[in-house]
C-alpha atoms as a PDB file:
ATOM      1  CA  MET A   1     -18.245  -0.145 -35.515  1.00  0.00           C
ATOM      2  CA  ASN A   2     -21.918   1.184 -35.588  1.00  0.00           C
ATOM      3  CA  THR A   3     -25.056  -0.114 -33.634  1.00  0.00           C
ATOM      4  CA  THR A   4     -25.665  -3.105 -36.605  1.00  0.00           C
ATOM      5  CA  GLU A   5     -22.271  -4.484 -36.106  1.00  0.00           C
ATOM      6  CA  THR A   6     -22.197  -4.231 -32.520  1.00  0.00           C
ATOM      7  CA  SER A   7     -25.303  -6.006 -31.819  1.00  0.00           C
ATOM      8  CA  SER A   8     -24.180  -8.960 -34.628  1.00  0.00           C
ATOM      9  CA  SER A   9     -20.641  -9.487 -32.619  1.00  0.00           C
ATOM     10  CA  PHE A  10     -22.679  -9.865 -29.562  1.00  0.00           C
ATOM     11  CA  ARG A  11     -25.114 -12.070 -30.931  1.00  0.00           C
ATOM     12  CA  LYS A  12     -22.356 -14.052 -32.673  1.00  0.00           C
ATOM     13  CA  GLY A  13     -20.220 -14.286 -28.913  1.00  0.00           C
ATOM     14  CA  LEU A  14     -23.083 -15.346 -27.286  1.00  0.00           C
ATOM     15  CA  ALA A  15     -24.444 -17.906 -29.613  1.00  0.00           C
ATOM     16  CA  THR A  16     -20.322 -18.938 -29.189  1.00  0.00           C
ATOM     17  CA  LEU A  17     -20.967 -18.974 -25.528  1.00  0.00           C
ATOM     18  CA  ILE A  18     -23.793 -21.381 -25.581  1.00  0.00           C
ATOM     19  CA  GLU A  19     -22.401 -23.340 -27.915  1.00  0.00           C
ATOM     20  CA  THR A  20     -19.234 -24.067 -25.773  1.00  0.00           C
ATOM     21  CA  LEU A  21     -21.486 -24.732 -22.711  1.00  0.00           C
ATOM     22  CA  SER A  22     -23.434 -27.358 -24.336  1.00  0.00           C
ATOM     23  CA  ALA A  23     -20.365 -28.996 -25.852  1.00  0.00           C
ATOM     24  CA  GLY A  24     -19.126 -29.266 -21.507  1.00  0.00           C
ATOM     25  CA  TYR A  25     -22.501 -30.583 -20.694  1.00  0.00           C
ATOM     26  CA  ASN A  26     -22.853 -33.165 -23.786  1.00  0.00           C
ATOM     27  CA  THR A  27     -19.202 -34.327 -23.098  1.00  0.00           C
ATOM     28  CA  VAL A  28     -20.338 -35.240 -19.517  1.00  0.00           C
ATOM     29  CA  LEU A  29     -23.815 -36.780 -20.355  1.00  0.00           C
ATOM     30  CA  LYS A  30     -22.326 -38.994 -22.419  1.00  0.00           C
ATOM     31  CA  ARG A  31     -19.713 -40.207 -19.715  1.00  0.00           C
ATOM     32  CA  ILE A  32     -21.579 -39.615 -16.747  1.00  0.00           C
ATOM     33  CA  TRP A  33     -18.848 -41.471 -14.718  1.00  0.00           C
ATOM     34  CA  LEU A  34     -16.795 -38.045 -15.303  1.00  0.00           C
ATOM     35  CA  ILE A  35     -18.364 -37.352 -12.135  1.00  0.00           C
ATOM     36  CA  ALA A  36     -17.447 -39.727 -10.029  1.00  0.00           C
ATOM     37  CA  ILE A  37     -14.193 -38.264  -8.331  1.00  0.00           C
ATOM     38  CA  PRO A  38     -16.024 -35.367  -6.733  1.00  0.00           C
ATOM     39  CA  VAL A  39     -18.842 -37.479  -5.853  1.00  0.00           C
ATOM     40  CA  ALA A  40     -16.393 -39.639  -3.884  1.00  0.00           C
ATOM     41  CA  LEU A  41     -14.949 -36.766  -2.289  1.00  0.00           C
ATOM     42  CA  ASP A  42     -18.309 -35.105  -1.152  1.00  0.00           C
ATOM     43  CA  VAL A  43     -19.154 -38.505   0.216  1.00  0.00           C
ATOM     44  CA  TYR A  44     -16.718 -38.505   2.263  1.00  0.00           C
ATOM     45  CA  LEU A  45     -16.555 -35.278   3.252  1.00  0.00           C
ATOM     46  CA  TRP A  46     -20.341 -35.933   4.432  1.00  0.00           C
ATOM     47  CA  VAL A  47     -20.291 -39.434   6.208  1.00  0.00           C
ATOM     48  CA  GLY A  48     -16.290 -39.986   6.565  1.00  0.00           C
ATOM     49  CA  PRO A  49     -14.354 -38.703   9.751  1.00  0.00           C
ATOM     50  CA  ARG A  50     -13.354 -35.315  10.154  1.00  0.00           C
ATOM     51  CA  LEU A  51     -10.294 -33.540  10.610  1.00  0.00           C
ATOM     52  CA  SER A  52     -10.290 -30.797  13.461  1.00  0.00           C
ATOM     53  CA  ILE A  53      -8.985 -27.762  13.173  1.00  0.00           C
ATOM     54  CA  LYS A  54      -9.429 -26.917  17.132  1.00  0.00           C
ATOM     55  CA  PRO A  55      -5.830 -27.361  17.868  1.00  0.00           C
ATOM     56  CA  LEU A  56      -5.039 -23.989  15.571  1.00  0.00           C
ATOM     57  CA  THR A  57      -8.076 -22.212  17.220  1.00  0.00           C
ATOM     58  CA  ARG A  58      -7.315 -22.663  20.686  1.00  0.00           C
ATOM     59  CA  PHE A  59      -3.849 -21.395  19.588  1.00  0.00           C
ATOM     60  CA  PHE A  60      -4.945 -18.503  18.318  1.00  0.00           C
ATOM     61  CA  LEU A  61      -7.397 -17.994  21.068  1.00  0.00           C
ATOM     62  CA  SER A  62      -4.768 -18.036  23.595  1.00  0.00           C
ATOM     63  CA  LEU A  63      -2.898 -15.474  22.581  1.00  0.00           C
ATOM     64  CA  TRP A  64      -6.084 -13.473  22.204  1.00  0.00           C
ATOM     65  CA  LEU A  65      -5.981 -10.448  24.229  1.00  0.00           C
ATOM     66  CA  PRO A  66      -8.783 -10.688  27.146  1.00  0.00           C
ATOM     67  CA  ILE A  67     -11.868  -9.212  26.629  1.00  0.00           C
ATOM     68  CA  GLU A  68     -11.717  -7.130  29.547  1.00  0.00           C
ATOM     69  CA  GLN A  69      -8.458  -5.655  29.199  1.00  0.00           C
ATOM     70  CA  ALA A  70      -9.470  -4.104  25.602  1.00  0.00           C
ATOM     71  CA  PRO A  71     -10.677  -0.249  25.205  1.00  0.00           C
ATOM     72  CA  ALA A  72     -14.148  -0.180  25.490  1.00  0.00           C
ATOM     73  CA  ASP A  73     -14.760   0.785  21.647  1.00  0.00           C
ATOM     74  CA  ILE A  74     -12.990  -2.318  20.522  1.00  0.00           C
ATOM     75  CA  GLN A  75     -14.301  -4.926  23.031  1.00  0.00           C
ATOM     76  CA  SER A  76     -17.452  -5.659  21.025  1.00  0.00           C
ATOM     77  CA  PHE A  77     -15.025  -6.565  17.860  1.00  0.00           C
ATOM     78  CA  LEU A  78     -12.983  -8.705  19.865  1.00  0.00           C
ATOM     79  CA  THR A  79     -15.748 -10.696  21.238  1.00  0.00           C
ATOM     80  CA  PHE A  80     -17.465 -10.950  18.147  1.00  0.00           C
ATOM     81  CA  ASN A  81     -14.079 -12.205  16.271  1.00  0.00           C
ATOM     82  CA  ARG A  82     -13.696 -14.356  19.101  1.00  0.00           C
ATOM     83  CA  GLN A  83     -16.941 -16.287  18.584  1.00  0.00           C
ATOM     84  CA  LEU A  84     -15.767 -16.856  15.007  1.00  0.00           C
ATOM     85  CA  LEU A  85     -12.879 -18.328  16.135  1.00  0.00           C
ATOM     86  CA  GLU A  86     -14.807 -20.706  18.133  1.00  0.00           C
ATOM     87  CA  THR A  87     -17.169 -21.333  15.828  1.00  0.00           C
ATOM     88  CA  MET A  88     -14.519 -22.325  12.735  1.00  0.00           C
ATOM     89  CA  GLY A  89     -12.928 -24.715  15.187  1.00  0.00           C
ATOM     90  CA  GLN A  90     -16.453 -26.526  15.890  1.00  0.00           C
ATOM     91  CA  GLU A  91     -17.048 -26.804  12.316  1.00  0.00           C
ATOM     92  CA  THR A  92     -14.252 -26.391   9.874  1.00  0.00           C
ATOM     93  CA  ASN A  93     -13.784 -29.857   8.835  1.00  0.00           C
ATOM     94  CA  LEU A  94      -9.730 -29.597   7.519  1.00  0.00           C
ATOM     95  CA  PHE A  95     -10.418 -32.613   4.661  1.00  0.00           C
ATOM     96  CA  SER A  96     -12.446 -30.021   3.363  1.00  0.00           C
ATOM     97  CA  LEU A  97      -8.561 -29.106   1.856  1.00  0.00           C
ATOM     98  CA  LEU A  98      -9.247 -31.882  -0.618  1.00  0.00           C
ATOM     99  CA  SER A  99     -11.672 -30.463  -2.410  1.00  0.00           C
ATOM    100  CA  SER A 100      -9.610 -29.141  -5.578  1.00  0.00           C
ATOM    101  CA  SER A 101     -11.851 -25.817  -6.164  1.00  0.00           C
ATOM    102  CA  LEU A 102      -8.491 -23.695  -7.547  1.00  0.00           C
ATOM    103  CA  LEU A 103      -8.603 -26.519 -10.736  1.00  0.00           C
ATOM    104  CA  GLY A 104     -12.677 -25.933 -10.964  1.00  0.00           C
ATOM    105  CA  MET A 105     -13.274 -29.731  -9.470  1.00  0.00           C
ATOM    106  CA  PRO A 106     -17.004 -29.214  -7.985  1.00  0.00           C
ATOM    107  CA  SER A 107     -17.485 -29.989  -4.198  1.00  0.00           C
ATOM    108  CA  TYR A 108     -21.001 -29.059  -2.912  1.00  0.00           C
ATOM    109  CA  LEU A 109     -19.700 -30.204   0.651  1.00  0.00           C
ATOM    110  CA  ALA A 110     -16.238 -28.172   1.085  1.00  0.00           C
ATOM    111  CA  GLY A 111     -18.091 -25.221   2.638  1.00  0.00           C
ATOM    112  CA  GLY A 112     -19.531 -27.509   5.437  1.00  0.00           C
ATOM    113  CA  LEU A 113     -22.713 -29.550   5.854  1.00  0.00           C
ATOM    114  CA  PRO A 114     -26.385 -28.261   4.978  1.00  0.00           C
ATOM    115  CA  GLU A 115     -28.132 -27.320   8.135  1.00  0.00           C
ATOM    116  CA  GLY A 116     -29.848 -29.919  10.171  1.00  0.00           C
ATOM    117  CA  ILE A 117     -27.985 -32.654   7.913  1.00  0.00           C
ATOM    118  CA  SER A 118     -26.006 -34.631  10.375  1.00  0.00           C
ATOM    119  CA  GLY A 119     -22.400 -36.252   9.206  1.00  0.00           C
ATOM    120  CA  SER A 120     -19.709 -38.739  10.700  1.00  0.00           C
ATOM    121  CA  PRO A 121     -19.653 -38.660  14.588  1.00  0.00           C
ATOM    122  CA  VAL A 122     -15.878 -39.729  14.116  1.00  0.00           C
ATOM    123  CA  THR A 123     -13.537 -36.514  14.616  1.00  0.00           C
ATOM    124  CA  TRP A 124      -9.669 -36.432  14.446  1.00  0.00           C
ATOM    125  CA  GLY A 125      -6.746 -34.367  15.787  1.00  0.00           C
ATOM    126  CA  GLU A 126      -8.811 -32.439  18.266  1.00  0.00           C
ATOM    127  CA  SER A 127      -6.099 -33.607  20.753  1.00  0.00           C
ATOM    128  CA  SER A 128      -3.350 -32.555  19.025  1.00  0.00           C
ATOM    129  CA  SER A 129      -0.784 -29.758  18.859  1.00  0.00           C
ATOM    130  CA  ALA A 130      -1.234 -26.574  16.393  1.00  0.00           C
ATOM    131  CA  LEU A 131       1.799 -27.466  14.773  1.00  0.00           C
ATOM    132  CA  THR A 132       0.859 -31.288  13.956  1.00  0.00           C
ATOM    133  CA  ILE A 133      -2.215 -29.570  12.413  1.00  0.00           C
ATOM    134  CA  LEU A 134       0.039 -26.629  10.400  1.00  0.00           C
ATOM    135  CA  ALA A 135       2.212 -29.868   9.531  1.00  0.00           C
ATOM    136  CA  ILE A 136      -0.844 -31.685   7.824  1.00  0.00           C
ATOM    137  CA  ILE A 137      -2.270 -28.776   5.668  1.00  0.00           C
ATOM    138  CA  PRO A 138       0.274 -28.888   2.828  1.00  0.00           C
ATOM    139  CA  PRO A 139       0.010 -32.424   1.823  1.00  0.00           C
ATOM    140  CA  LEU A 140      -3.535 -31.975   2.181  1.00  0.00           C
ATOM    141  CA  ILE A 141      -3.217 -29.290  -0.518  1.00  0.00           C
ATOM    142  CA  ALA A 142      -0.640 -31.685  -2.310  1.00  0.00           C
ATOM    143  CA  ALA A 143      -3.108 -34.417  -2.479  1.00  0.00           C
ATOM    144  CA  SER A 144      -6.110 -32.034  -3.635  1.00  0.00           C
ATOM    145  CA  LEU A 145      -3.877 -30.736  -6.540  1.00  0.00           C
ATOM    146  CA  PHE A 146      -3.515 -34.669  -7.439  1.00  0.00           C
ATOM    147  CA  LEU A 147      -7.183 -35.716  -7.326  1.00  0.00           C
ATOM    148  CA  GLY A 148      -7.533 -32.301  -9.403  1.00  0.00           C
ATOM    149  CA  SER A 149      -5.157 -33.394 -12.082  1.00  0.00           C
ATOM    150  CA  LEU A 150      -6.200 -36.829 -12.324  1.00  0.00           C
ATOM    151  CA  TYR A 151      -9.835 -35.282 -12.610  1.00  0.00           C
ATOM    152  CA  LEU A 152      -8.927 -32.536 -15.632  1.00  0.00           C
ATOM    153  CA  GLY A 153      -6.698 -35.155 -17.198  1.00  0.00           C
ATOM    154  CA  ALA A 154      -9.408 -37.329 -17.638  1.00  0.00           C
ATOM    155  CA  ILE A 155     -11.673 -34.960 -19.068  1.00  0.00           C
ATOM    156  CA  ALA A 156      -8.987 -33.256 -21.101  1.00  0.00           C
ATOM    157  CA  GLN A 157      -8.215 -36.382 -22.673  1.00  0.00           C
ATOM    158  CA  ILE A 158     -11.827 -37.010 -23.717  1.00  0.00           C
ATOM    159  CA  ALA A 159     -11.947 -33.244 -25.458  1.00  0.00           C
ATOM    160  CA  ARG A 160      -8.627 -33.856 -26.935  1.00  0.00           C
ATOM    161  CA  GLU A 161      -8.967 -37.271 -28.719  1.00  0.00           C
ATOM    162  CA  GLY A 162     -12.784 -38.463 -27.975  1.00  0.00           C
ATOM    163  CA  THR A 163     -11.805 -40.981 -25.918  1.00  0.00           C
ATOM    164  CA  LEU A 164     -10.001 -41.909 -22.359  1.00  0.00           C
ATOM    165  CA  THR A 165      -6.884 -44.348 -22.334  1.00  0.00           C
ATOM    166  CA  VAL A 166      -6.700 -45.217 -18.468  1.00  0.00           C
ATOM    167  CA  GLY A 167      -2.942 -46.308 -19.091  1.00  0.00           C
ATOM    168  CA  HIS A 168      -1.717 -43.055 -20.878  1.00  0.00           C
ATOM    169  CA  LEU A 169      -3.745 -40.985 -18.315  1.00  0.00           C
ATOM    170  CA  ILE A 170      -2.070 -43.199 -15.086  1.00  0.00           C
ATOM    171  CA  GLN A 171       1.045 -42.377 -17.289  1.00  0.00           C
ATOM    172  CA  ARG A 172       0.728 -38.620 -17.359  1.00  0.00           C
ATOM    173  CA  VAL A 173      -1.193 -37.709 -14.347  1.00  0.00           C
ATOM    174  CA  TRP A 174       2.369 -37.287 -12.120  1.00  0.00           C
ATOM    175  CA  ARG A 175       3.428 -34.796 -14.596  1.00  0.00           C
ATOM    176  CA  TYR A 176       0.524 -32.995 -14.776  1.00  0.00           C
ATOM    177  CA  TRP A 177       0.664 -33.010 -11.062  1.00  0.00           C
ATOM    178  CA  GLY A 178       4.186 -31.945 -10.899  1.00  0.00           C
ATOM    179  CA  LEU A 179       3.350 -29.043 -13.040  1.00  0.00           C
ATOM    180  CA  ILE A 180       0.460 -27.563 -11.666  1.00  0.00           C
ATOM    181  CA  LEU A 181       1.992 -28.073  -8.161  1.00  0.00           C
ATOM    182  CA  LEU A 182       4.931 -26.081  -9.136  1.00  0.00           C
ATOM    183  CA  PHE A 183       2.741 -23.472 -11.160  1.00  0.00           C
ATOM    184  CA  GLY A 184       0.995 -23.125  -7.628  1.00  0.00           C
ATOM    185  CA  VAL A 185       4.227 -22.446  -5.526  1.00  0.00           C
ATOM    186  CA  LEU A 186       5.858 -20.011  -7.841  1.00  0.00           C
ATOM    187  CA  LEU A 187       2.678 -17.796  -8.547  1.00  0.00           C
ATOM    188  CA  THR A 188       2.181 -17.951  -4.566  1.00  0.00           C
ATOM    189  CA  MET A 189       6.039 -16.705  -4.148  1.00  0.00           C
ATOM    190  CA  VAL A 190       5.365 -13.974  -6.700  1.00  0.00           C
ATOM    191  CA  LEU A 191       2.182 -12.858  -5.073  1.00  0.00           C
ATOM    192  CA  PHE A 192       3.671 -12.374  -1.845  1.00  0.00           C
ATOM    193  CA  ILE A 193       7.133 -10.813  -3.127  1.00  0.00           C
ATOM    194  CA  LEU A 194       4.684  -8.378  -4.546  1.00  0.00           C
ATOM    195  CA  GLY A 195       2.468  -7.928  -2.560  1.00  0.00           C
ATOM    196  CA  LEU A 196       4.261  -7.399   0.747  1.00  0.00           C
ATOM    197  CA  PRO A 197       6.370  -3.954  -0.423  1.00  0.00           C
ATOM    198  CA  VAL A 198       2.354  -2.982  -1.400  1.00  0.00           C
ATOM    199  CA  MET A 199       0.709  -4.037   1.839  1.00  0.00           C
ATOM    200  CA  MET A 200       3.647  -1.705   3.386  1.00  0.00           C
ATOM    201  CA  ILE A 201       2.945   1.134   1.329  1.00  0.00           C
ATOM    202  CA  ILE A 202      -0.614   0.534   1.926  1.00  0.00           C
ATOM    203  CA  GLY A 203       0.154   0.777   5.533  1.00  0.00           C
ATOM    204  CA  VAL A 204       2.144   4.336   5.652  1.00  0.00           C
ATOM    205  CA  LEU A 205      -0.720   5.561   3.227  1.00  0.00           C
ATOM    206  CA  ALA A 206      -3.054   4.750   5.547  1.00  0.00           C
ATOM    207  CA  SER A 207      -1.724   6.935   8.293  1.00  0.00           C
ATOM    208  CA  LEU A 208      -1.186   9.670   5.667  1.00  0.00           C
ATOM    209  CA  SER A 209      -4.304   9.377   3.717  1.00  0.00           C
ATOM    210  CA  PRO A 210      -7.365   6.998   3.933  1.00  0.00           C
ATOM    211  CA  ALA A 211      -8.815   7.432   0.323  1.00  0.00           C
ATOM    212  CA  MET A 212      -5.516   7.311  -1.389  1.00  0.00           C
ATOM    213  CA  ALA A 213      -4.587   3.835   0.690  1.00  0.00           C
ATOM    214  CA  GLN A 214      -8.248   2.535  -0.305  1.00  0.00           C
ATOM    215  CA  PHE A 215      -7.271   3.435  -3.888  1.00  0.00           C
ATOM    216  CA  VAL A 216      -4.167   1.702  -3.832  1.00  0.00           C
ATOM    217  CA  LEU A 217      -5.641  -1.239  -2.583  1.00  0.00           C
ATOM    218  CA  LEU A 218      -8.247  -1.227  -5.053  1.00  0.00           C
ATOM    219  CA  GLY A 219      -5.634  -0.939  -7.843  1.00  0.00           C
ATOM    220  CA  ALA A 220      -3.436  -3.525  -6.221  1.00  0.00           C
ATOM    221  CA  GLY A 221      -6.528  -5.805  -5.997  1.00  0.00           C
ATOM    222  CA  GLY A 222      -7.586  -4.864  -9.871  1.00  0.00           C
ATOM    223  CA  LEU A 223      -4.322  -5.808 -11.017  1.00  0.00           C
ATOM    224  CA  VAL A 224      -4.066  -9.315  -9.039  1.00  0.00           C
ATOM    225  CA  LEU A 225      -7.574 -10.477 -10.706  1.00  0.00           C
ATOM    226  CA  TRP A 226      -6.056  -9.105 -14.227  1.00  0.00           C
ATOM    227  CA  MET A 227      -3.261 -11.299 -13.445  1.00  0.00           C
ATOM    228  CA  LEU A 228      -5.040 -14.466 -12.180  1.00  0.00           C
ATOM    229  CA  PHE A 229      -7.207 -14.399 -15.268  1.00  0.00           C
ATOM    230  CA  HIS A 230      -4.709 -14.007 -17.749  1.00  0.00           C
ATOM    231  CA  LEU A 231      -2.945 -17.107 -16.169  1.00  0.00           C
ATOM    232  CA  SER A 232      -6.119 -18.987 -15.573  1.00  0.00           C
ATOM    233  CA  PHE A 233      -5.757 -21.318 -18.597  1.00  0.00           C
ATOM    234  CA  VAL A 234      -2.579 -22.243 -17.278  1.00  0.00           C
ATOM    235  CA  PRO A 235      -3.881 -26.110 -16.089  1.00  0.00           C
ATOM    236  CA  HIS A 236      -5.892 -26.276 -19.023  1.00  0.00           C
ATOM    237  CA  ALA A 237      -2.703 -25.728 -21.217  1.00  0.00           C
ATOM    238  CA  ILE A 238      -0.813 -28.482 -19.368  1.00  0.00           C
ATOM    239  CA  VAL A 239      -3.142 -31.207 -18.933  1.00  0.00           C
ATOM    240  CA  VAL A 240      -4.679 -30.379 -22.819  1.00  0.00           C
ATOM    241  CA  SER A 241      -1.946 -29.356 -25.241  1.00  0.00           C
ATOM    242  CA  GLU A 242       0.373 -31.496 -22.351  1.00  0.00           C
ATOM    243  CA  SER A 243       2.904 -28.239 -22.351  1.00  0.00           C
ATOM    244  CA  GLY A 244       5.629 -27.252 -20.079  1.00  0.00           C
ATOM    245  CA  LEU A 245       5.032 -24.785 -17.765  1.00  0.00           C
ATOM    246  CA  LEU A 246       6.442 -21.846 -19.368  1.00  0.00           C
ATOM    247  CA  ARG A 247       4.693 -22.815 -22.579  1.00  0.00           C
ATOM    248  CA  ALA A 248       1.510 -23.652 -20.442  1.00  0.00           C
ATOM    249  CA  VAL A 249       1.701 -19.952 -19.042  1.00  0.00           C
ATOM    250  CA  TRP A 250       2.350 -18.594 -22.559  1.00  0.00           C
ATOM    251  CA  ASN A 251      -0.577 -20.632 -24.056  1.00  0.00           C
ATOM    252  CA  SER A 252      -2.897 -19.002 -21.522  1.00  0.00           C
ATOM    253  CA  LEU A 253      -1.612 -15.520 -22.121  1.00  0.00           C
ATOM    254  CA  ILE A 254      -2.365 -16.232 -25.831  1.00  0.00           C
ATOM    255  CA  VAL A 255      -5.809 -17.936 -25.302  1.00  0.00           C
ATOM    256  CA  VAL A 256      -7.243 -15.029 -23.471  1.00  0.00           C
ATOM    257  CA  GLY A 257      -5.062 -12.154 -24.747  1.00  0.00           C
ATOM    258  CA  ARG A 258      -6.696 -13.003 -28.307  1.00  0.00           C
ATOM    259  CA  ASN A 259     -10.000 -13.664 -27.145  1.00  0.00           C
ATOM    260  CA  PHE A 260     -10.514 -11.353 -23.800  1.00  0.00           C
ATOM    261  CA  TRP A 261     -14.123 -10.753 -23.755  1.00  0.00           C
ATOM    262  CA  SER A 262     -15.588 -14.404 -25.015  1.00  0.00           C
ATOM    263  CA  ALA A 263     -13.085 -15.663 -21.897  1.00  0.00           C
ATOM    264  CA  LEU A 264     -14.019 -13.093 -19.684  1.00  0.00           C
ATOM    265  CA  ALA A 265     -17.791 -13.979 -20.797  1.00  0.00           C
ATOM    266  CA  LEU A 266     -17.112 -17.678 -19.942  1.00  0.00           C
ATOM    267  CA  VAL A 267     -15.611 -17.029 -16.566  1.00  0.00           C
ATOM    268  CA  VAL A 268     -18.331 -15.143 -15.424  1.00  0.00           C
ATOM    269  CA  SER A 269     -21.039 -17.280 -16.723  1.00  0.00           C
ATOM    270  CA  MET A 270     -19.570 -20.223 -14.906  1.00  0.00           C
ATOM    271  CA  ASN A 271     -19.055 -18.409 -11.534  1.00  0.00           C
ATOM    272  CA  LEU A 272     -22.855 -17.202 -12.424  1.00  0.00           C
ATOM    273  CA  ILE A 273     -24.070 -20.403 -13.107  1.00  0.00           C
ATOM    274  CA  LYS A 274     -22.220 -22.110  -9.790  1.00  0.00           C
ATOM    275  CA  ALA A 275     -23.680 -19.362  -7.447  1.00  0.00           C
ATOM    276  CA  GLY A 276     -27.111 -19.911  -8.836  1.00  0.00           C
ATOM    277  CA  PHE A 277     -26.700 -23.365  -8.359  1.00  0.00           C
ATOM    278  CA  THR A 278     -25.388 -23.622  -4.890  1.00  0.00           C
ATOM    279  CA  VAL A 279     -28.139 -21.306  -3.920  1.00  0.00           C
ATOM    280  CA  VAL A 280     -30.826 -24.348  -4.991  1.00  0.00           C
ATOM    281  CA  TRP A 281     -28.877 -27.120  -3.810  1.00  0.00           C
ATOM    282  CA  ASN A 282     -28.880 -25.006  -0.376  1.00  0.00           C
ATOM    283  CA  ARG A 283     -32.391 -25.034  -0.440  1.00  0.00           C
ATOM    284  CA  VAL A 284     -32.935 -28.417  -1.773  1.00  0.00           C
ATOM    285  CA  SER A 285     -30.832 -30.117   0.709  1.00  0.00           C
ATOM    286  CA  VAL A 286     -33.531 -30.567   3.533  1.00  0.00           C
ATOM    287  CA  ASN A 287     -32.851 -34.433   3.861  1.00  0.00           C
ATOM    288  CA  THR A 288     -30.322 -37.039   3.619  1.00  0.00           C
ATOM    289  CA  LEU A 289     -32.145 -38.164   0.031  1.00  0.00           C
ATOM    290  CA  LEU A 290     -31.982 -34.516  -1.053  1.00  0.00           C
ATOM    291  CA  THR A 291     -28.560 -34.015  -0.222  1.00  0.00           C
ATOM    292  CA  ALA A 292     -27.255 -36.826  -1.865  1.00  0.00           C
ATOM    293  CA  ALA A 293     -29.551 -35.532  -5.041  1.00  0.00           C
ATOM    294  CA  SER A 294     -27.548 -32.317  -4.696  1.00  0.00           C
ATOM    295  CA  ILE A 295     -24.025 -33.951  -4.258  1.00  0.00           C
ATOM    296  CA  ALA A 296     -24.934 -35.700  -7.806  1.00  0.00           C
ATOM    297  CA  GLY A 297     -26.336 -32.612  -9.258  1.00  0.00           C
ATOM    298  CA  ASN A 298     -23.677 -30.040  -8.503  1.00  0.00           C
ATOM    299  CA  ALA A 299     -21.003 -32.537  -9.748  1.00  0.00           C
ATOM    300  CA  PHE A 300     -22.807 -32.788 -12.941  1.00  0.00           C
ATOM    301  CA  ILE A 301     -22.968 -29.072 -13.394  1.00  0.00           C
ATOM    302  CA  GLY A 302     -19.481 -28.329 -11.753  1.00  0.00           C
ATOM    303  CA  THR A 303     -18.411 -31.084 -14.404  1.00  0.00           C
ATOM    304  CA  GLY A 304     -19.978 -29.719 -17.591  1.00  0.00           C
ATOM    305  CA  LEU A 305     -18.289 -26.092 -16.860  1.00  0.00           C
ATOM    306  CA  VAL A 306     -14.522 -27.793 -16.370  1.00  0.00           C
ATOM    307  CA  ALA A 307     -15.810 -29.382 -19.877  1.00  0.00           C
ATOM    308  CA  ALA A 308     -16.868 -26.358 -21.600  1.00  0.00           C
ATOM    309  CA  SER A 309     -13.647 -24.564 -20.272  1.00  0.00           C
ATOM    310  CA  LEU A 310     -11.437 -27.249 -21.333  1.00  0.00           C
ATOM    311  CA  ILE A 311     -13.217 -27.399 -24.800  1.00  0.00           C
ATOM    312  CA  PHE A 312     -12.880 -23.175 -25.000  1.00  0.00           C
ATOM    313  CA  TYR A 313      -9.070 -23.680 -24.612  1.00  0.00           C
ATOM    314  CA  ARG A 314      -8.575 -26.521 -27.428  1.00  0.00           C
ATOM    315  CA  ASP A 315     -10.825 -24.604 -29.987  1.00  0.00           C
ATOM    316  CA  ARG A 316      -9.015 -21.507 -29.466  1.00  0.00           C
ATOM    317  CA  MET A 317      -5.529 -22.864 -29.460  1.00  0.00           C
ATOM    318  CA  GLU A 318      -6.542 -24.690 -32.596  1.00  0.00           C
ATOM    319  CA  GLN A 319      -7.709 -21.182 -34.041  1.00  0.00           C
ATOM    320  CA  TRP A 320      -4.466 -20.111 -32.912  1.00  0.00           C
ATOM    321  CA  THR A 321      -2.505 -23.048 -34.694  1.00  0.00           C
ATOM    322  CA  THR A 322      -4.555 -22.838 -37.917  1.00  0.00           C
ATOM    323  CA  TRP A 323      -3.692 -18.747 -37.928  1.00  0.00           C
ATOM    324  CA  LEU A 324       0.192 -19.238 -37.384  1.00  0.00           C
ATOM    325  CA  GLU A 325       0.110 -21.668 -40.123  1.00  0.00           C
ATOM    326  CA  GLN A 326      -1.527 -19.525 -42.794  1.00  0.00           C
ATOM    327  CA  VAL A 327       1.096 -16.630 -41.422  1.00  0.00           C
ATOM    328  CA  ARG A 328       3.853 -18.736 -42.364  1.00  0.00           C
ATOM    329  CA  SER A 329       2.296 -19.796 -45.465  1.00  0.00           C
ATOM    330  CA  ALA A 330       1.749 -16.575 -46.979  1.00  0.00           C
ATOM    331  CA  GLY A 331       5.137 -15.816 -45.284  1.00  0.00           C
ATOM    332  CA  GLU A 332       6.617 -18.692 -47.959  1.00  0.00           C
ATOM    333  CA  GLU A 333       4.624 -17.530 -50.731  1.00  0.00           C
ATOM    334  CA  GLY A 334       5.560 -13.894 -50.633  1.00  0.00           C
ATOM    335  CA  GLU A 335       9.416 -15.223 -50.669  1.00  0.00           C
END
């Protein structure tokens, strides 16, 4: 490929990316109510009761080696981490797990309130046991995936059909939720099963050759990112194509495999846009009114990106289907 062809391909890819992002934001502008779920969640994280993780941090701190008994060369390290745990216990709101960031649903306040902005004075769970707090975490994650499934399902139905039928969404959201939950459990199990021996190997190598251990760690991390990238459109396949889990995995592999660079450009652009606007919201949120505006703005930006990714998946699957039909037609004519 010569320089002219490379430049033309780059411009075409850039134009397609801009077109996809524009289509996503046009979808949200025409149906601004799509931002309702992320806005409602952020409002709850702001003014609703908090759920403390202090019982967990107290438990871990009770196991902590007393600073004065530790070797002098790691006392500062232990002190820093103890302070970090104490800060997490005071500031972390466990209800932030309701934010389904894994499915792309935006949440400005999942990471905590902006500096100088006060939230609800009501905090639950401070006197509970660590075991109780641990038991609450799985239901919160399951609830977050349900909210994310409802959110994705609504946008996906609009991307697929051009309109939203509430009855169909309510009927199908349970299936979306179950499949996404199953996918998350299976993916976690695979990463754990594959990761455990790798970490053991890295531990052995660390005592023999730190450089080799670091190389293996970077390689393993790269493989995990490669795998997660190729599976990143599984939720899209579940809610747009309404596929089963195996078909959703296959569709995700097809979309990324056939459109690797454009998919990568979309994912990178989405993360850059989110990171850039997070900086903007943090600078803007200096009072109550502007924090509310940041919540709405973040929900709009994030929802536009989610809509764009669903449209990207829809269009690439349509291209794949068209190509398959052409291949079949050519095969039938050849016979």
